[in-house]
Structures are given as C-alpha cells and as structure tokens.
Amino acid sequence: PLAYTHQLGPNPTTVDVTLSDGSEV
C-alpha cells in the first residue's frame, strides 16, 4: 500500500509553440 504507483517518464526535449501571428516555433 505504501509503494510508489507512478514513475517519471523521459525528459521532454522540445516545445512546439503556436504564436498569435499564426507562426509556429
């Protein structure tokens, strides 16, 4: 009952960003 039930996944490497002018970065 006291054991961990979740583990960390891999670190994210990129963020896809959408800007208000319609461009993506």
PDB file of all heavy atoms in Angstrom:
ATOM      1  N   PRO A   1       0.806  -1.230   0.000  1.00  0.00           N
ATOM      2  CA  PRO A   1       0.000   0.000   0.000  1.00  0.00           C
ATOM      3  C   PRO A   1       0.839   1.281   0.000  1.00  0.00           C
ATOM      4  O   PRO A   1       0.373   2.308  -0.479  1.00  0.00           O
ATOM      5  CB  PRO A   1      -0.841  -0.106   1.266  1.00  0.00           C
ATOM      6  CG  PRO A   1      -0.198  -1.151   2.094  1.00  0.00           C
ATOM      7  CD  PRO A   1       0.586  -2.035   1.188  1.00  0.00           C
ATOM      8  N   LEU A   2       2.069   1.261   0.523  1.00  0.00           N
ATOM      9  CA  LEU A   2       2.888   2.467   0.577  1.00  0.00           C
ATOM     10  C   LEU A   2       3.905   2.552  -0.563  1.00  0.00           C
ATOM     11  O   LEU A   2       4.704   3.483  -0.612  1.00  0.00           O
ATOM     12  CB  LEU A   2       3.612   2.556   1.925  1.00  0.00           C
ATOM     13  CG  LEU A   2       2.700   2.644   3.151  1.00  0.00           C
ATOM     14  CD1 LEU A   2       3.520   2.688   4.423  1.00  0.00           C
ATOM     15  CD2 LEU A   2       1.795   3.862   3.058  1.00  0.00           C
ATOM     16  N   ALA A   3       3.872   1.623  -1.472  1.00  0.00           N
ATOM     17  CA  ALA A   3       4.820   1.624  -2.592  1.00  0.00           C
ATOM     18  C   ALA A   3       4.436   2.701  -3.601  1.00  0.00           C
ATOM     19  O   ALA A   3       3.279   3.100  -3.719  1.00  0.00           O
ATOM     20  CB  ALA A   3       4.828   0.252  -3.265  1.00  0.00           C
ATOM     21  N   TYR A   4       5.439   3.177  -4.327  1.00  0.00           N
ATOM     22  CA  TYR A   4       5.179   4.151  -5.392  1.00  0.00           C
ATOM     23  C   TYR A   4       4.303   3.521  -6.464  1.00  0.00           C
ATOM     24  O   TYR A   4       4.477   2.366  -6.822  1.00  0.00           O
ATOM     25  CB  TYR A   4       6.489   4.616  -6.033  1.00  0.00           C
ATOM     26  CG  TYR A   4       7.342   5.452  -5.126  1.00  0.00           C
ATOM     27  CD1 TYR A   4       8.551   4.975  -4.653  1.00  0.00           C
ATOM     28  CD2 TYR A   4       6.941   6.727  -4.754  1.00  0.00           C
ATOM     29  CE1 TYR A   4       9.345   5.744  -3.814  1.00  0.00           C
ATOM     30  CE2 TYR A   4       7.733   7.502  -3.916  1.00  0.00           C
ATOM     31  CZ  TYR A   4       8.924   7.009  -3.453  1.00  0.00           C
ATOM     32  OH  TYR A   4       9.703   7.774  -2.630  1.00  0.00           O
ATOM     33  N   THR A   5       3.345   4.287  -6.984  1.00  0.00           N
ATOM     34  CA  THR A   5       2.454   3.792  -8.026  1.00  0.00           C
ATOM     35  C   THR A   5       2.747   4.433  -9.382  1.00  0.00           C
ATOM     36  O   THR A   5       2.181   4.020 -10.388  1.00  0.00           O
ATOM     37  CB  THR A   5       0.987   4.051  -7.660  1.00  0.00           C
ATOM     38  OG1 THR A   5       0.809   5.466  -7.464  1.00  0.00           O
ATOM     39  CG2 THR A   5       0.600   3.291  -6.391  1.00  0.00           C
ATOM     40  N   HIS A   6       3.613   5.463  -9.399  1.00  0.00           N
ATOM     41  CA  HIS A   6       3.982   6.154 -10.634  1.00  0.00           C
ATOM     42  C   HIS A   6       5.492   6.352 -10.677  1.00  0.00           C
ATOM     43  O   HIS A   6       6.159   6.377  -9.641  1.00  0.00           O
ATOM     44  CB  HIS A   6       3.294   7.518 -10.723  1.00  0.00           C
ATOM     45  CG  HIS A   6       1.827   7.422 -10.967  1.00  0.00           C
ATOM     46  ND1 HIS A   6       0.932   7.092  -9.969  1.00  0.00           N
ATOM     47  CD2 HIS A   6       1.100   7.580 -12.091  1.00  0.00           C
ATOM     48  CE1 HIS A   6      -0.287   7.075 -10.476  1.00  0.00           C
ATOM     49  NE2 HIS A   6      -0.208   7.361 -11.762  1.00  0.00           N
ATOM     50  N   GLN A   7       6.013   6.500 -11.888  1.00  0.00           N
ATOM     51  CA  GLN A   7       7.426   6.806 -12.075  1.00  0.00           C
ATOM     52  C   GLN A   7       7.540   7.948 -13.085  1.00  0.00           C
ATOM     53  O   GLN A   7       6.600   8.215 -13.837  1.00  0.00           O
ATOM     54  CB  GLN A   7       8.173   5.584 -12.577  1.00  0.00           C
ATOM     55  CG  GLN A   7       7.681   5.067 -13.916  1.00  0.00           C
ATOM     56  CD  GLN A   7       8.310   3.745 -14.276  1.00  0.00           C
ATOM     57  OE1 GLN A   7       9.168   3.235 -13.583  1.00  0.00           O
ATOM     58  NE2 GLN A   7       7.880   3.183 -15.390  1.00  0.00           N
ATOM     59  N   LEU A   8       8.693   8.629 -13.091  1.00  0.00           N
ATOM     60  CA  LEU A   8       8.903   9.712 -14.043  1.00  0.00           C
ATOM     61  C   LEU A   8       9.198   9.155 -15.428  1.00  0.00           C
ATOM     62  O   LEU A   8       9.976   8.215 -15.582  1.00  0.00           O
ATOM     63  CB  LEU A   8      10.073  10.598 -13.600  1.00  0.00           C
ATOM     64  CG  LEU A   8       9.835  11.484 -12.391  1.00  0.00           C
ATOM     65  CD1 LEU A   8      11.100  12.253 -12.060  1.00  0.00           C
ATOM     66  CD2 LEU A   8       8.689  12.438 -12.635  1.00  0.00           C
ATOM     67  N   GLY A   9       8.593   9.758 -16.429  1.00  0.00           N
ATOM     68  CA  GLY A   9       8.875   9.405 -17.810  1.00  0.00           C
ATOM     69  C   GLY A   9      10.129  10.125 -18.283  1.00  0.00           C
ATOM     70  O   GLY A   9      10.821  10.789 -17.498  1.00  0.00           O
ATOM     71  N   PRO A  10      10.432  10.039 -19.570  1.00  0.00           N
ATOM     72  CA  PRO A  10      11.620  10.705 -20.099  1.00  0.00           C
ATOM     73  C   PRO A  10      11.466  12.230 -20.073  1.00  0.00           C
ATOM     74  O   PRO A  10      10.347  12.750 -20.119  1.00  0.00           O
ATOM     75  CB  PRO A  10      11.719  10.188 -21.528  1.00  0.00           C
ATOM     76  CG  PRO A  10      10.354   9.729 -21.873  1.00  0.00           C
ATOM     77  CD  PRO A  10       9.717   9.300 -20.589  1.00  0.00           C
ATOM     78  N   ASN A  11      12.593  12.937 -20.013  1.00  0.00           N
ATOM     79  CA  ASN A  11      12.559  14.396 -20.050  1.00  0.00           C
ATOM     80  C   ASN A  11      12.102  14.873 -21.426  1.00  0.00           C
ATOM     81  O   ASN A  11      12.547  14.347 -22.440  1.00  0.00           O
ATOM     82  CB  ASN A  11      13.950  14.975 -19.770  1.00  0.00           C
ATOM     83  CG  ASN A  11      14.326  14.871 -18.326  1.00  0.00           C
ATOM     84  OD1 ASN A  11      13.490  14.972 -17.450  1.00  0.00           O
ATOM     85  ND2 ASN A  11      15.590  14.667 -18.055  1.00  0.00           N
ATOM     86  N   PRO A  12      11.225  15.876 -21.456  1.00  0.00           N
ATOM     87  CA  PRO A  12      10.856  16.450 -22.745  1.00  0.00           C
ATOM     88  C   PRO A  12      12.068  17.160 -23.355  1.00  0.00           C
ATOM     89  O   PRO A  12      12.913  17.678 -22.633  1.00  0.00           O
ATOM     90  CB  PRO A  12       9.736  17.435 -22.400  1.00  0.00           C
ATOM     91  CG  PRO A  12       9.824  17.656 -20.944  1.00  0.00           C
ATOM     92  CD  PRO A  12      10.534  16.493 -20.342  1.00  0.00           C
ATOM     93  N   THR A  13      12.169  17.164 -24.671  1.00  0.00           N
ATOM     94  CA  THR A  13      13.311  17.775 -25.343  1.00  0.00           C
ATOM     95  C   THR A  13      12.936  18.994 -26.176  1.00  0.00           C
ATOM     96  O   THR A  13      13.782  19.816 -26.489  1.00  0.00           O
ATOM     97  CB  THR A  13      13.998  16.756 -26.275  1.00  0.00           C
ATOM     98  OG1 THR A  13      13.048  16.294 -27.222  1.00  0.00           O
ATOM     99  CG2 THR A  13      14.547  15.585 -25.487  1.00  0.00           C
ATOM    100  N   THR A  14      11.656  19.118 -26.536  1.00  0.00           N
ATOM    101  CA  THR A  14      11.208  20.189 -27.421  1.00  0.00           C
ATOM    102  C   THR A  14       9.828  20.672 -26.989  1.00  0.00           C
ATOM    103  O   THR A  14       9.026  19.890 -26.489  1.00  0.00           O
ATOM    104  CB  THR A  14      11.112  19.671 -28.876  1.00  0.00           C
ATOM    105  OG1 THR A  14      12.336  19.055 -29.222  1.00  0.00           O
ATOM    106  CG2 THR A  14      10.829  20.783 -29.857  1.00  0.00           C
ATOM    107  N   VAL A  15       9.572  21.962 -27.198  1.00  0.00           N
ATOM    108  CA  VAL A  15       8.226  22.510 -27.023  1.00  0.00           C
ATOM    109  C   VAL A  15       7.804  23.109 -28.359  1.00  0.00           C
ATOM    110  O   VAL A  15       8.532  23.911 -28.946  1.00  0.00           O
ATOM    111  CB  VAL A  15       8.183  23.588 -25.920  1.00  0.00           C
ATOM    112  CG1 VAL A  15       6.824  24.250 -25.868  1.00  0.00           C
ATOM    113  CG2 VAL A  15       8.518  22.998 -24.566  1.00  0.00           C
ATOM    114  N   ASP A  16       6.644  22.678 -28.856  1.00  0.00           N
ATOM    115  CA  ASP A  16       6.068  23.250 -30.078  1.00  0.00           C
ATOM    116  C   ASP A  16       5.160  24.406 -29.658  1.00  0.00           C
ATOM    117  O   ASP A  16       4.207  24.210 -28.900  1.00  0.00           O
ATOM    118  CB  ASP A  16       5.272  22.197 -30.842  1.00  0.00           C
ATOM    119  CG  ASP A  16       6.160  21.065 -31.326  1.00  0.00           C
ATOM    120  OD1 ASP A  16       7.301  21.341 -31.740  1.00  0.00           O
ATOM    121  OD2 ASP A  16       5.713  19.902 -31.279  1.00  0.00           O
ATOM    122  N   VAL A  17       5.481  25.605 -30.147  1.00  0.00           N
ATOM    123  CA  VAL A  17       4.786  26.823 -29.730  1.00  0.00           C
ATOM    124  C   VAL A  17       4.031  27.403 -30.916  1.00  0.00           C
ATOM    125  O   VAL A  17       4.587  27.546 -32.006  1.00  0.00           O
ATOM    126  CB  VAL A  17       5.802  27.858 -29.196  1.00  0.00           C
ATOM    127  CG1 VAL A  17       5.094  29.136 -28.763  1.00  0.00           C
ATOM    128  CG2 VAL A  17       6.605  27.280 -28.046  1.00  0.00           C
ATOM    129  N   THR A  18       2.755  27.736 -30.700  1.00  0.00           N
ATOM    130  CA  THR A  18       1.958  28.456 -31.698  1.00  0.00           C
ATOM    131  C   THR A  18       1.813  29.893 -31.217  1.00  0.00           C
ATOM    132  O   THR A  18       1.421  30.134 -30.074  1.00  0.00           O
ATOM    133  CB  THR A  18       0.573  27.813 -31.867  1.00  0.00           C
ATOM    134  OG1 THR A  18       0.743  26.439 -32.219  1.00  0.00           O
ATOM    135  CG2 THR A  18      -0.235  28.525 -32.938  1.00  0.00           C
ATOM    136  N   LEU A  19       2.143  30.839 -32.097  1.00  0.00           N
ATOM    137  CA  LEU A  19       2.104  32.256 -31.747  1.00  0.00           C
ATOM    138  C   LEU A  19       0.842  32.915 -32.297  1.00  0.00           C
ATOM    139  O   LEU A  19       0.210  32.402 -33.225  1.00  0.00           O
ATOM    140  CB  LEU A  19       3.354  32.958 -32.288  1.00  0.00           C
ATOM    141  CG  LEU A  19       4.679  32.376 -31.809  1.00  0.00           C
ATOM    142  CD1 LEU A  19       5.840  33.097 -32.479  1.00  0.00           C
ATOM    143  CD2 LEU A  19       4.799  32.448 -30.300  1.00  0.00           C
ATOM    144  N   SER A  20       0.483  34.071 -31.724  1.00  0.00           N
ATOM    145  CA  SER A  20      -0.747  34.755 -32.109  1.00  0.00           C
ATOM    146  C   SER A  20      -0.717  35.280 -33.539  1.00  0.00           C
ATOM    147  O   SER A  20      -1.767  35.558 -34.112  1.00  0.00           O
ATOM    148  CB  SER A  20      -1.032  35.908 -31.133  1.00  0.00           C
ATOM    149  OG  SER A  20       0.025  36.855 -31.161  1.00  0.00           O
ATOM    150  N   ASP A  21       0.463  35.393 -34.168  1.00  0.00           N
ATOM    151  CA  ASP A  21       0.536  35.819 -35.565  1.00  0.00           C
ATOM    152  C   ASP A  21       0.381  34.645 -36.532  1.00  0.00           C
ATOM    153  O   ASP A  21       0.529  34.780 -37.732  1.00  0.00           O
ATOM    154  CB  ASP A  21       1.830  36.572 -35.844  1.00  0.00           C
ATOM    155  CG  ASP A  21       3.079  35.717 -35.676  1.00  0.00           C
ATOM    156  OD1 ASP A  21       2.960  34.509 -35.341  1.00  0.00           O
ATOM    157  OD2 ASP A  21       4.187  36.254 -35.865  1.00  0.00           O
ATOM    158  N   GLY A  22       0.109  33.434 -35.997  1.00  0.00           N
ATOM    159  CA  GLY A  22      -0.111  32.248 -36.813  1.00  0.00           C
ATOM    160  C   GLY A  22       1.130  31.418 -37.067  1.00  0.00           C
ATOM    161  O   GLY A  22       1.043  30.326 -37.605  1.00  0.00           O
ATOM    162  N   SER A  23       2.299  31.896 -36.670  1.00  0.00           N
ATOM    163  CA  SER A  23       3.524  31.134 -36.896  1.00  0.00           C
ATOM    164  C   SER A  23       3.710  30.084 -35.805  1.00  0.00           C
ATOM    165  O   SER A  23       3.104  30.159 -34.736  1.00  0.00           O
ATOM    166  CB  SER A  23       4.742  32.064 -36.953  1.00  0.00           C
ATOM    167  OG  SER A  23       4.907  32.742 -35.727  1.00  0.00           O
ATOM    168  N   GLU A  24       4.536  29.095 -36.118  1.00  0.00           N
ATOM    169  CA  GLU A  24       4.858  28.039 -35.152  1.00  0.00           C
ATOM    170  C   GLU A  24       6.362  27.967 -34.988  1.00  0.00           C
ATOM    171  O   GLU A  24       7.111  28.161 -35.947  1.00  0.00           O
ATOM    172  CB  GLU A  24       4.313  26.699 -35.634  1.00  0.00           C
ATOM    173  CG  GLU A  24       2.800  26.665 -35.685  1.00  0.00           C
ATOM    174  CD  GLU A  24       2.257  25.318 -36.116  1.00  0.00           C
ATOM    175  OE1 GLU A  24       3.061  24.393 -36.366  1.00  0.00           O
ATOM    176  OE2 GLU A  24       1.030  25.196 -36.210  1.00  0.00           O
ATOM    177  N   VAL A  25       6.801  27.695 -33.761  1.00  0.00           N
ATOM    178  CA  VAL A  25       8.217  27.627 -33.435  1.00  0.00           C
ATOM    179  C   VAL A  25       8.467  26.364 -32.615  1.00  0.00           C
ATOM    180  O   VAL A  25       7.672  26.031 -31.735  1.00  0.00           O
ATOM    181  CB  VAL A  25       8.650  28.871 -32.609  1.00  0.00           C
ATOM    182  CG1 VAL A  25      10.113  28.807 -32.259  1.00  0.00           C
ATOM    183  CG2 VAL A  25       8.318  30.152 -33.327  1.00  0.00           C
TER     184      VAL A  25
END
